[in-house]
Amino acid sequence: MTSGGEKEHGAGRPAVVLVRPQLGENVGACARAMWNCGLDDLRLVEPRDGWPNPRALAAATGAAWVIERARVFPSLAAATADCALIVATSARRREMTKDGLTPRQAASLLHAAASRRPPERGALVFGCERTGLDNDDVALASHLVQVPLNPQFNSLNLAQAVLLLAWEWYRDEAEAVGVAEHRQGLDQRSAELASGGEMENFFEHLEQELDRARFFRVAEKRAGMVRSIRALLRRAQPARDELRVLHGVVSALVGRRKDGAPVRQAGSKSGDAVAPEPPDPRPGRGQG
């Protein structure tokens, strides 16, 4: 077993992230499902019964090494900090706006990200057995997968859900479809996408400044508004250079001091600050 960030896995293979899994046996069954489909990067967020778990190891017949190399993280944000593409799974309809994908579409998207140079890591995120992912978890994702099943009974157990998504990825890989067909209809930007950790840093920057500006005037609505803002930006999947621009925009908007000092852009050198506009000399103008 390793702790977060200690060992590298193949960048082309998506990580499988289990958020607050409850039973060790289910984690072991998920490891088997993963290795059936050639996936080996298992990440756990706050497993209920602690880690390591001997029941998980016993249930991972033939895939014990996936359990032994599993990494444990304190939060979903930490578990996906190195992932540019974060695909959450849910059987429930969500109020927030997310790009909805079928498992096959998700597999194609993950392959397209892995085909970029340098490869961009993806993550498949699954919630706990009883309640699935909560809204805060889903807000961290760039896409949401919903499996088209019998609407009267569309619940899968954890290992079934992992196997279904992992198999779609493996099928796409095994068929060795040409790169052009893999990417058909998908975003083909050559720019490197911002990672989950970089996105989280920007959210913290933005939310801190919005709090200072008293943007969230109704405390009870703050959490929902934050989720909406995060969902909007996750859906946009900004590249790293685009995220740096957004940091600069936020810094520029809050940088002008009350005393009229120049606005200092993030990362600017001394002398590069933008001078404030002079007051309008006409009578009664420019006195705000």
C-alpha atoms as a PDB file:
ATOM      1  CA  MET A   1       0.000   0.000   0.000  1.00  0.00           C
ATOM      2  CA  THR A   2       1.229   3.510  -0.735  1.00  0.00           C
ATOM      3  CA  SER A   3       0.176   6.953   0.358  1.00  0.00           C
ATOM      4  CA  GLY A   4      -1.077   9.659  -2.013  1.00  0.00           C
ATOM      5  CA  GLY A   5       1.351  10.656  -4.750  1.00  0.00           C
ATOM      6  CA  GLU A   6       4.065   8.124  -3.858  1.00  0.00           C
ATOM      7  CA  LYS A   7       3.962   5.880  -6.924  1.00  0.00           C
ATOM      8  CA  GLU A   8       3.376   6.672 -10.588  1.00  0.00           C
ATOM      9  CA  HIS A   9       0.895   4.752 -12.723  1.00  0.00           C
ATOM     10  CA  GLY A  10       0.521   4.801 -16.501  1.00  0.00           C
ATOM     11  CA  ALA A  11      -0.717   8.245 -17.552  1.00  0.00           C
ATOM     12  CA  GLY A  12      -2.832   6.721 -20.327  1.00  0.00           C
ATOM     13  CA  ARG A  13      -4.937   4.631 -17.945  1.00  0.00           C
ATOM     14  CA  PRO A  14      -7.659   6.355 -15.956  1.00  0.00           C
ATOM     15  CA  ALA A  15      -7.562   6.181 -12.185  1.00  0.00           C
ATOM     16  CA  VAL A  16     -10.536   4.640 -10.364  1.00  0.00           C
ATOM     17  CA  VAL A  17     -11.530   6.710  -7.322  1.00  0.00           C
ATOM     18  CA  LEU A  18     -13.858   5.250  -4.683  1.00  0.00           C
ATOM     19  CA  VAL A  19     -15.289   7.954  -2.440  1.00  0.00           C
ATOM     20  CA  ARG A  20     -16.063   6.851   1.127  1.00  0.00           C
ATOM     21  CA  PRO A  21     -16.470   3.127   0.312  1.00  0.00           C
ATOM     22  CA  GLN A  22     -18.111   1.209   3.133  1.00  0.00           C
ATOM     23  CA  LEU A  23     -17.235  -2.480   2.827  1.00  0.00           C
ATOM     24  CA  GLY A  24     -13.767  -3.873   2.294  1.00  0.00           C
ATOM     25  CA  GLU A  25     -15.253  -6.740   0.288  1.00  0.00           C
ATOM     26  CA  ASN A  26     -16.662  -4.250  -2.203  1.00  0.00           C
ATOM     27  CA  VAL A  27     -13.305  -2.527  -2.573  1.00  0.00           C
ATOM     28  CA  GLY A  28     -11.706  -5.907  -3.279  1.00  0.00           C
ATOM     29  CA  ALA A  29     -14.363  -6.735  -5.880  1.00  0.00           C
ATOM     30  CA  CYS A  30     -13.714  -3.362  -7.523  1.00  0.00           C
ATOM     31  CA  ALA A  31      -9.997  -4.167  -7.714  1.00  0.00           C
ATOM     32  CA  ARG A  32     -10.823  -7.428  -9.524  1.00  0.00           C
ATOM     33  CA  ALA A  33     -13.100  -5.574 -11.945  1.00  0.00           C
ATOM     34  CA  MET A  34     -10.384  -3.011 -12.605  1.00  0.00           C
ATOM     35  CA  TRP A  35      -7.680  -5.555 -13.372  1.00  0.00           C
ATOM     36  CA  ASN A  36     -10.082  -7.527 -15.589  1.00  0.00           C
ATOM     37  CA  CYS A  37      -9.948  -4.431 -17.781  1.00  0.00           C
ATOM     38  CA  GLY A  38      -6.283  -3.527 -17.390  1.00  0.00           C
ATOM     39  CA  LEU A  39      -6.677  -0.739 -14.840  1.00  0.00           C
ATOM     40  CA  ASP A  40      -4.446  -0.633 -11.766  1.00  0.00           C
ATOM     41  CA  ASP A  41      -4.589   2.870 -10.266  1.00  0.00           C
ATOM     42  CA  LEU A  42      -7.006   2.540  -7.328  1.00  0.00           C
ATOM     43  CA  ARG A  43      -7.553   5.594  -5.126  1.00  0.00           C
ATOM     44  CA  LEU A  44      -9.641   5.641  -1.963  1.00  0.00           C
ATOM     45  CA  VAL A  45     -11.171   8.673  -0.262  1.00  0.00           C
ATOM     46  CA  GLU A  46     -11.944   8.208   3.429  1.00  0.00           C
ATOM     47  CA  PRO A  47     -12.756   4.465   3.442  1.00  0.00           C
ATOM     48  CA  ARG A  48     -15.252   3.910   6.263  1.00  0.00           C
ATOM     49  CA  ASP A  49     -13.505   0.926   7.852  1.00  0.00           C
ATOM     50  CA  GLY A  50     -10.001   2.331   7.551  1.00  0.00           C
ATOM     51  CA  TRP A  51      -7.079   1.123   5.476  1.00  0.00           C
ATOM     52  CA  PRO A  52      -5.501  -1.350   4.917  1.00  0.00           C
ATOM     53  CA  ASN A  53      -8.468  -3.684   5.097  1.00  0.00           C
ATOM     54  CA  PRO A  54      -7.863  -7.473   5.129  1.00  0.00           C
ATOM     55  CA  ARG A  55     -11.360  -8.117   3.764  1.00  0.00           C
ATOM     56  CA  ALA A  56     -10.544  -6.073   0.672  1.00  0.00           C
ATOM     57  CA  LEU A  57      -7.388  -8.081   0.110  1.00  0.00           C
ATOM     58  CA  ALA A  58      -9.244 -11.383   0.523  1.00  0.00           C
ATOM     59  CA  ALA A  59     -11.921 -10.361  -1.974  1.00  0.00           C
ATOM     60  CA  ALA A  60      -9.420  -9.192  -4.611  1.00  0.00           C
ATOM     61  CA  THR A  61      -8.675 -12.697  -5.869  1.00  0.00           C
ATOM     62  CA  GLY A  62      -6.032 -12.455  -8.602  1.00  0.00           C
ATOM     63  CA  ALA A  63      -5.772  -8.680  -8.203  1.00  0.00           C
ATOM     64  CA  ALA A  64      -4.307  -8.410  -4.702  1.00  0.00           C
ATOM     65  CA  TRP A  65      -1.494  -6.230  -5.960  1.00  0.00           C
ATOM     66  CA  VAL A  66      -4.010  -3.562  -7.018  1.00  0.00           C
ATOM     67  CA  ILE A  67      -5.162  -3.431  -3.386  1.00  0.00           C
ATOM     68  CA  GLU A  68      -1.586  -3.379  -2.111  1.00  0.00           C
ATOM     69  CA  ARG A  69      -0.772  -0.384  -4.307  1.00  0.00           C
ATOM     70  CA  ALA A  70      -4.003   1.489  -3.536  1.00  0.00           C
ATOM     71  CA  ARG A  71      -3.561   5.068  -2.399  1.00  0.00           C
ATOM     72  CA  VAL A  72      -5.621   6.780   0.301  1.00  0.00           C
ATOM     73  CA  PHE A  73      -6.564  10.468   0.201  1.00  0.00           C
ATOM     74  CA  PRO A  74      -8.337  12.796   2.635  1.00  0.00           C
ATOM     75  CA  SER A  75     -10.650  14.291   0.002  1.00  0.00           C
ATOM     76  CA  LEU A  76     -11.821  13.876  -3.580  1.00  0.00           C
ATOM     77  CA  ALA A  77     -10.039  17.102  -4.508  1.00  0.00           C
ATOM     78  CA  ALA A  78      -6.751  15.633  -3.280  1.00  0.00           C
ATOM     79  CA  ALA A  79      -7.375  12.298  -5.014  1.00  0.00           C
ATOM     80  CA  THR A  80      -7.912  13.993  -8.400  1.00  0.00           C
ATOM     81  CA  ALA A  81      -5.362  16.795  -8.083  1.00  0.00           C
ATOM     82  CA  ASP A  82      -3.264  15.371 -10.950  1.00  0.00           C
ATOM     83  CA  CYS A  83      -6.265  14.611 -13.193  1.00  0.00           C
ATOM     84  CA  ALA A  84      -7.338  16.889 -16.031  1.00  0.00           C
ATOM     85  CA  LEU A  85     -10.490  14.910 -16.833  1.00  0.00           C
ATOM     86  CA  ILE A  86     -12.729  13.891 -13.920  1.00  0.00           C
ATOM     87  CA  VAL A  87     -15.756  11.730 -14.763  1.00  0.00           C
ATOM     88  CA  ALA A  88     -18.286  11.207 -11.973  1.00  0.00           C
ATOM     89  CA  THR A  89     -20.903   8.449 -11.979  1.00  0.00           C
ATOM     90  CA  SER A  90     -24.466   8.753 -10.730  1.00  0.00           C
ATOM     91  CA  ALA A  91     -27.777   6.942 -11.093  1.00  0.00           C
ATOM     92  CA  ARG A  92     -29.688  10.061 -10.045  1.00  0.00           C
ATOM     93  CA  ARG A  93     -30.555  13.133 -12.063  1.00  0.00           C
ATOM     94  CA  ARG A  94     -28.763  16.214 -10.764  1.00  0.00           C
ATOM     95  CA  GLU A  95     -29.925  19.814 -10.630  1.00  0.00           C
ATOM     96  CA  MET A  96     -26.493  21.137 -11.614  1.00  0.00           C
ATOM     97  CA  THR A  97     -25.590  21.416 -15.289  1.00  0.00           C
ATOM     98  CA  LYS A  98     -23.045  18.816 -16.364  1.00  0.00           C
ATOM     99  CA  ASP A  99     -22.130  17.294 -19.683  1.00  0.00           C
ATOM    100  CA  GLY A 100     -24.014  13.972 -19.550  1.00  0.00           C
ATOM    101  CA  LEU A 101     -22.192  11.019 -21.070  1.00  0.00           C
ATOM    102  CA  THR A 102     -22.908   7.373 -21.695  1.00  0.00           C
ATOM    103  CA  PRO A 103     -20.174   4.940 -20.592  1.00  0.00           C
ATOM    104  CA  ARG A 104     -19.025   4.598 -24.207  1.00  0.00           C
ATOM    105  CA  GLN A 105     -18.755   8.361 -24.641  1.00  0.00           C
ATOM    106  CA  ALA A 106     -16.824   8.609 -21.390  1.00  0.00           C
ATOM    107  CA  ALA A 107     -14.368   5.960 -22.611  1.00  0.00           C
ATOM    108  CA  SER A 108     -13.785   7.855 -25.854  1.00  0.00           C
ATOM    109  CA  LEU A 109     -13.237  11.081 -23.955  1.00  0.00           C
ATOM    110  CA  LEU A 110     -10.704   9.421 -21.651  1.00  0.00           C
ATOM    111  CA  HIS A 111      -8.834   7.967 -24.623  1.00  0.00           C
ATOM    112  CA  ALA A 112      -8.768  11.341 -26.364  1.00  0.00           C
ATOM    113  CA  ALA A 113      -7.251  12.958 -23.262  1.00  0.00           C
ATOM    114  CA  ALA A 114      -4.653  10.180 -22.953  1.00  0.00           C
ATOM    115  CA  SER A 115      -3.733  10.586 -26.641  1.00  0.00           C
ATOM    116  CA  ARG A 116      -2.670  14.197 -26.220  1.00  0.00           C
ATOM    117  CA  ARG A 117       0.987  15.090 -25.854  1.00  0.00           C
ATOM    118  CA  PRO A 118       1.782  15.093 -23.050  1.00  0.00           C
ATOM    119  CA  PRO A 119      -0.909  12.604 -22.006  1.00  0.00           C
ATOM    120  CA  GLU A 120      -3.602  13.946 -19.711  1.00  0.00           C
ATOM    121  CA  ARG A 121      -4.692  11.733 -16.852  1.00  0.00           C
ATOM    122  CA  GLY A 122      -8.354  10.917 -16.322  1.00  0.00           C
ATOM    123  CA  ALA A 123     -10.314   9.650 -13.333  1.00  0.00           C
ATOM    124  CA  LEU A 124     -13.510   7.616 -12.960  1.00  0.00           C
ATOM    125  CA  VAL A 125     -15.185   8.568  -9.684  1.00  0.00           C
ATOM    126  CA  PHE A 126     -17.666   6.352  -7.813  1.00  0.00           C
ATOM    127  CA  GLY A 127     -19.623   7.133  -4.647  1.00  0.00           C
ATOM    128  CA  CYS A 128     -20.285   5.021  -1.585  1.00  0.00           C
ATOM    129  CA  GLU A 129     -22.573   2.004  -1.758  1.00  0.00           C
ATOM    130  CA  ARG A 130     -25.519   3.508   0.126  1.00  0.00           C
ATOM    131  CA  THR A 131     -25.819   7.094  -1.123  1.00  0.00           C
ATOM    132  CA  GLY A 132     -23.415   7.511  -4.045  1.00  0.00           C
ATOM    133  CA  LEU A 133     -21.696  10.844  -4.612  1.00  0.00           C
ATOM    134  CA  ASP A 134     -22.996  13.970  -2.942  1.00  0.00           C
ATOM    135  CA  ASN A 135     -23.433  17.263  -4.803  1.00  0.00           C
ATOM    136  CA  ASP A 136     -20.096  18.633  -3.612  1.00  0.00           C
ATOM    137  CA  ASP A 137     -18.354  15.567  -5.049  1.00  0.00           C
ATOM    138  CA  VAL A 138     -20.160  15.885  -8.382  1.00  0.00           C
ATOM    139  CA  ALA A 139     -19.294  19.594  -8.533  1.00  0.00           C
ATOM    140  CA  LEU A 140     -15.605  18.641  -8.713  1.00  0.00           C
ATOM    141  CA  ALA A 141     -16.155  16.629 -11.896  1.00  0.00           C
ATOM    142  CA  SER A 142     -15.916  17.891 -15.461  1.00  0.00           C
ATOM    143  CA  HIS A 143     -18.432  15.300 -16.742  1.00  0.00           C
ATOM    144  CA  LEU A 144     -21.189  13.094 -15.379  1.00  0.00           C
ATOM    145  CA  VAL A 145     -21.886   9.537 -16.560  1.00  0.00           C
ATOM    146  CA  GLN A 146     -25.316   7.981 -16.250  1.00  0.00           C
ATOM    147  CA  VAL A 147     -25.779   4.403 -17.440  1.00  0.00           C
ATOM    148  CA  PRO A 148     -28.958   3.864 -19.495  1.00  0.00           C
ATOM    149  CA  LEU A 149     -30.675   1.083 -17.545  1.00  0.00           C
ATOM    150  CA  ASN A 150     -34.192   0.031 -16.659  1.00  0.00           C
ATOM    151  CA  PRO A 151     -35.705   3.256 -15.224  1.00  0.00           C
ATOM    152  CA  GLN A 152     -37.670   1.170 -12.715  1.00  0.00           C
ATOM    153  CA  PHE A 153     -34.465  -0.383 -11.338  1.00  0.00           C
ATOM    154  CA  ASN A 154     -31.272   1.385 -12.354  1.00  0.00           C
ATOM    155  CA  SER A 155     -29.136   0.790  -9.264  1.00  0.00           C
ATOM    156  CA  LEU A 156     -25.824  -1.062  -9.659  1.00  0.00           C
ATOM    157  CA  ASN A 157     -23.604  -2.323  -6.882  1.00  0.00           C
ATOM    158  CA  LEU A 158     -20.193  -0.696  -6.660  1.00  0.00           C
ATOM    159  CA  ALA A 159     -18.185  -3.415  -8.408  1.00  0.00           C
ATOM    160  CA  GLN A 160     -20.772  -3.683 -11.206  1.00  0.00           C
ATOM    161  CA  ALA A 161     -20.521   0.039 -11.870  1.00  0.00           C
ATOM    162  CA  VAL A 162     -16.715  -0.079 -11.902  1.00  0.00           C
ATOM    163  CA  LEU A 163     -16.699  -3.083 -14.237  1.00  0.00           C
ATOM    164  CA  LEU A 164     -19.146  -1.499 -16.671  1.00  0.00           C
ATOM    165  CA  LEU A 165     -17.168   1.753 -17.006  1.00  0.00           C
ATOM    166  CA  ALA A 166     -13.795   0.000 -17.011  1.00  0.00           C
ATOM    167  CA  TRP A 167     -14.937  -2.464 -19.684  1.00  0.00           C
ATOM    168  CA  GLU A 168     -16.023   0.351 -21.988  1.00  0.00           C
ATOM    169  CA  TRP A 169     -12.549   1.854 -21.626  1.00  0.00           C
ATOM    170  CA  TYR A 170     -10.912  -1.527 -22.245  1.00  0.00           C
ATOM    171  CA  ARG A 171     -13.108  -2.245 -25.266  1.00  0.00           C
ATOM    172  CA  ASP A 172     -12.128   1.085 -26.771  1.00  0.00           C
ATOM    173  CA  GLU A 173      -8.480   0.295 -26.083  1.00  0.00           C
ATOM    174  CA  ALA A 174      -8.583  -3.307 -27.316  1.00  0.00           C
ATOM    175  CA  GLU A 175     -10.262  -2.516 -30.609  1.00  0.00           C
ATOM    176  CA  ALA A 176      -7.274  -0.322 -31.503  1.00  0.00           C
ATOM    177  CA  VAL A 177      -9.469   2.165 -33.314  1.00  0.00           C
ATOM    178  CA  GLY A 178      -7.556   4.857 -35.216  1.00  0.00           C
ATOM    179  CA  VAL A 179      -6.814   8.098 -33.407  1.00  0.00           C
ATOM    180  CA  ALA A 180      -9.029  10.106 -35.747  1.00  0.00           C
ATOM    181  CA  GLU A 181     -12.040   7.898 -34.994  1.00  0.00           C
ATOM    182  CA  HIS A 182     -11.301   8.010 -31.253  1.00  0.00           C
ATOM    183  CA  ARG A 183     -11.402  11.767 -31.334  1.00  0.00           C
ATOM    184  CA  GLN A 184     -14.395  12.186 -33.626  1.00  0.00           C
ATOM    185  CA  GLY A 185     -16.702  14.740 -32.130  1.00  0.00           C
ATOM    186  CA  LEU A 186     -14.435  15.269 -29.116  1.00  0.00           C
ATOM    187  CA  ASP A 187     -12.475  18.313 -28.016  1.00  0.00           C
ATOM    188  CA  GLN A 188      -9.093  18.159 -29.779  1.00  0.00           C
ATOM    189  CA  ARG A 189      -7.388  21.136 -28.185  1.00  0.00           C
ATOM    190  CA  SER A 190      -3.644  20.700 -28.157  1.00  0.00           C
ATOM    191  CA  ALA A 191      -3.305  22.923 -25.078  1.00  0.00           C
ATOM    192  CA  GLU A 192      -2.686  21.050 -21.842  1.00  0.00           C
ATOM    193  CA  LEU A 193      -5.765  21.061 -19.638  1.00  0.00           C
ATOM    194  CA  ALA A 194      -5.553  22.381 -16.093  1.00  0.00           C
ATOM    195  CA  SER A 195      -5.288  19.624 -13.490  1.00  0.00           C
ATOM    196  CA  GLY A 196      -7.762  19.059 -10.686  1.00  0.00           C
ATOM    197  CA  GLY A 197      -5.304  20.575  -8.191  1.00  0.00           C
ATOM    198  CA  GLU A 198      -4.838  23.695 -10.322  1.00  0.00           C
ATOM    199  CA  MET A 199      -8.593  24.066 -10.656  1.00  0.00           C
ATOM    200  CA  GLU A 200      -9.007  23.718  -6.884  1.00  0.00           C
ATOM    201  CA  ASN A 201      -6.384  26.432  -6.292  1.00  0.00           C
ATOM    202  CA  PHE A 202      -8.302  28.766  -8.590  1.00  0.00           C
ATOM    203  CA  PHE A 203     -11.622  27.994  -6.881  1.00  0.00           C
ATOM    204  CA  GLU A 204     -10.068  28.819  -3.504  1.00  0.00           C
ATOM    205  CA  HIS A 205      -8.693  32.087  -4.907  1.00  0.00           C
ATOM    206  CA  LEU A 206     -12.026  33.027  -6.481  1.00  0.00           C
ATOM    207  CA  GLU A 207     -14.174  32.077  -3.490  1.00  0.00           C
ATOM    208  CA  GLN A 208     -11.877  33.945  -1.096  1.00  0.00           C
ATOM    209  CA  GLU A 209     -12.220  37.136  -3.109  1.00  0.00           C
ATOM    210  CA  LEU A 210     -15.969  36.695  -3.540  1.00  0.00           C
ATOM    211  CA  ASP A 211     -16.280  36.333   0.236  1.00  0.00           C
ATOM    212  CA  ARG A 212     -14.253  39.499   0.754  1.00  0.00           C
ATOM    213  CA  ALA A 213     -16.497  41.336  -1.708  1.00  0.00           C
ATOM    214  CA  ARG A 214     -19.574  40.010   0.156  1.00  0.00           C
ATOM    215  CA  PHE A 215     -20.876  38.470  -3.049  1.00  0.00           C
ATOM    216  CA  PHE A 216     -22.665  35.708  -1.132  1.00  0.00           C
ATOM    217  CA  ARG A 217     -25.164  37.952   0.623  1.00  0.00           C
ATOM    218  CA  VAL A 218     -27.483  35.145   1.697  1.00  0.00           C
ATOM    219  CA  ALA A 219     -25.478  32.670   3.764  1.00  0.00           C
ATOM    220  CA  GLU A 220     -27.955  29.832   3.174  1.00  0.00           C
ATOM    221  CA  LYS A 221     -27.466  30.091  -0.593  1.00  0.00           C
ATOM    222  CA  ARG A 222     -23.665  30.202  -0.536  1.00  0.00           C
ATOM    223  CA  ALA A 223     -23.051  26.441  -0.872  1.00  0.00           C
ATOM    224  CA  GLY A 224     -25.398  26.100  -3.854  1.00  0.00           C
ATOM    225  CA  MET A 225     -23.921  29.141  -5.600  1.00  0.00           C
ATOM    226  CA  VAL A 226     -20.389  27.850  -5.057  1.00  0.00           C
ATOM    227  CA  ARG A 227     -21.353  24.490  -6.566  1.00  0.00           C
ATOM    228  CA  SER A 228     -22.869  26.251  -9.592  1.00  0.00           C
ATOM    229  CA  ILE A 229     -19.744  28.354 -10.145  1.00  0.00           C
ATOM    230  CA  ARG A 230     -17.521  25.292  -9.824  1.00  0.00           C
ATOM    231  CA  ALA A 231     -19.729  23.274 -12.180  1.00  0.00           C
ATOM    232  CA  LEU A 232     -19.615  26.039 -14.796  1.00  0.00           C
ATOM    233  CA  LEU A 233     -15.822  26.242 -14.740  1.00  0.00           C
ATOM    234  CA  ARG A 234     -15.310  22.474 -14.581  1.00  0.00           C
ATOM    235  CA  ARG A 235     -17.561  22.109 -17.617  1.00  0.00           C
ATOM    236  CA  ALA A 236     -15.408  24.616 -19.513  1.00  0.00           C
ATOM    237  CA  GLN A 237     -12.267  22.475 -18.933  1.00  0.00           C
ATOM    238  CA  PRO A 238      -9.852  25.415 -19.213  1.00  0.00           C
ATOM    239  CA  ALA A 239      -6.292  24.880 -20.338  1.00  0.00           C
ATOM    240  CA  ARG A 240      -3.492  25.791 -17.954  1.00  0.00           C
ATOM    241  CA  ASP A 241      -2.729  29.067 -19.708  1.00  0.00           C
ATOM    242  CA  GLU A 242      -6.450  29.948 -19.694  1.00  0.00           C
ATOM    243  CA  LEU A 243      -6.612  29.296 -15.950  1.00  0.00           C
ATOM    244  CA  ARG A 244      -3.647  31.624 -15.430  1.00  0.00           C
ATOM    245  CA  VAL A 245      -5.584  34.300 -17.322  1.00  0.00           C
ATOM    246  CA  LEU A 246      -8.576  33.762 -14.991  1.00  0.00           C
ATOM    247  CA  HIS A 247      -6.296  34.135 -11.950  1.00  0.00           C
ATOM    248  CA  GLY A 248      -5.094  37.405 -13.456  1.00  0.00           C
ATOM    249  CA  VAL A 249      -8.643  38.593 -14.071  1.00  0.00           C
ATOM    250  CA  VAL A 250      -9.613  37.987 -10.440  1.00  0.00           C
ATOM    251  CA  SER A 251      -6.432  39.671  -9.196  1.00  0.00           C
ATOM    252  CA  ALA A 252      -7.020  42.683 -11.450  1.00  0.00           C
ATOM    253  CA  LEU A 253     -10.601  43.111 -10.279  1.00  0.00           C
ATOM    254  CA  VAL A 254      -9.637  43.154  -6.594  1.00  0.00           C
ATOM    255  CA  GLY A 255      -6.199  44.751  -6.927  1.00  0.00           C
ATOM    256  CA  ARG A 256      -7.163  48.431  -7.095  1.00  0.00           C
ATOM    257  CA  ARG A 257      -6.768  49.777  -3.574  1.00  0.00           C
ATOM    258  CA  LYS A 258      -9.144  52.293  -2.060  1.00  0.00           C
ATOM    259  CA  ASP A 259      -6.409  54.928  -2.107  1.00  0.00           C
ATOM    260  CA  GLY A 260      -6.220  54.705  -5.884  1.00  0.00           C
ATOM    261  CA  ALA A 261      -2.905  52.843  -6.043  1.00  0.00           C
ATOM    262  CA  PRO A 262      -2.117  51.071  -9.334  1.00  0.00           C
ATOM    263  CA  VAL A 263      -3.597  47.637  -9.920  1.00  0.00           C
ATOM    264  CA  ARG A 264      -0.913  45.001  -9.517  1.00  0.00           C
ATOM    265  CA  GLN A 265      -1.459  42.051 -11.875  1.00  0.00           C
ATOM    266  CA  ALA A 266      -0.653  38.559 -10.609  1.00  0.00           C
ATOM    267  CA  GLY A 267       2.932  37.737 -11.550  1.00  0.00           C
ATOM    268  CA  SER A 268       3.731  41.268 -12.794  1.00  0.00           C
ATOM    269  CA  LYS A 269       7.115  42.868 -12.108  1.00  0.00           C
ATOM    270  CA  SER A 270       7.626  46.189 -10.410  1.00  0.00           C
ATOM    271  CA  GLY A 271       6.693  48.958 -12.819  1.00  0.00           C
ATOM    272  CA  ASP A 272       4.265  46.800 -14.758  1.00  0.00           C
ATOM    273  CA  ALA A 273       1.229  47.836 -12.703  1.00  0.00           C
ATOM    274  CA  VAL A 274      -1.686  49.435 -14.474  1.00  0.00           C
ATOM    275  CA  ALA A 275      -2.107  53.071 -13.439  1.00  0.00           C
ATOM    276  CA  PRO A 276      -5.589  54.227 -12.397  1.00  0.00           C
ATOM    277  CA  GLU A 277      -7.507  56.370 -14.843  1.00  0.00           C
ATOM    278  CA  PRO A 278      -7.262  60.100 -14.044  1.00  0.00           C
ATOM    279  CA  PRO A 279     -10.451  61.787 -12.769  1.00  0.00           C
ATOM    280  CA  ASP A 280     -12.659  63.524 -15.294  1.00  0.00           C
ATOM    281  CA  PRO A 281     -11.772  67.266 -15.081  1.00  0.00           C
ATOM    282  CA  ARG A 282     -15.288  68.403 -16.022  1.00  0.00           C
ATOM    283  CA  PRO A 283     -17.302  69.882 -13.129  1.00  0.00           C
ATOM    284  CA  GLY A 284     -19.276  67.275 -11.253  1.00  0.00           C
ATOM    285  CA  ARG A 285     -17.584  64.418 -13.091  1.00  0.00           C
ATOM    286  CA  GLY A 286     -15.302  61.750 -11.751  1.00  0.00           C
ATOM    287  CA  GLN A 287     -16.284  62.327  -8.117  1.00  0.00           C
ATOM    288  CA  GLY A 288     -18.119  58.939  -7.816  1.00  0.00           C
END
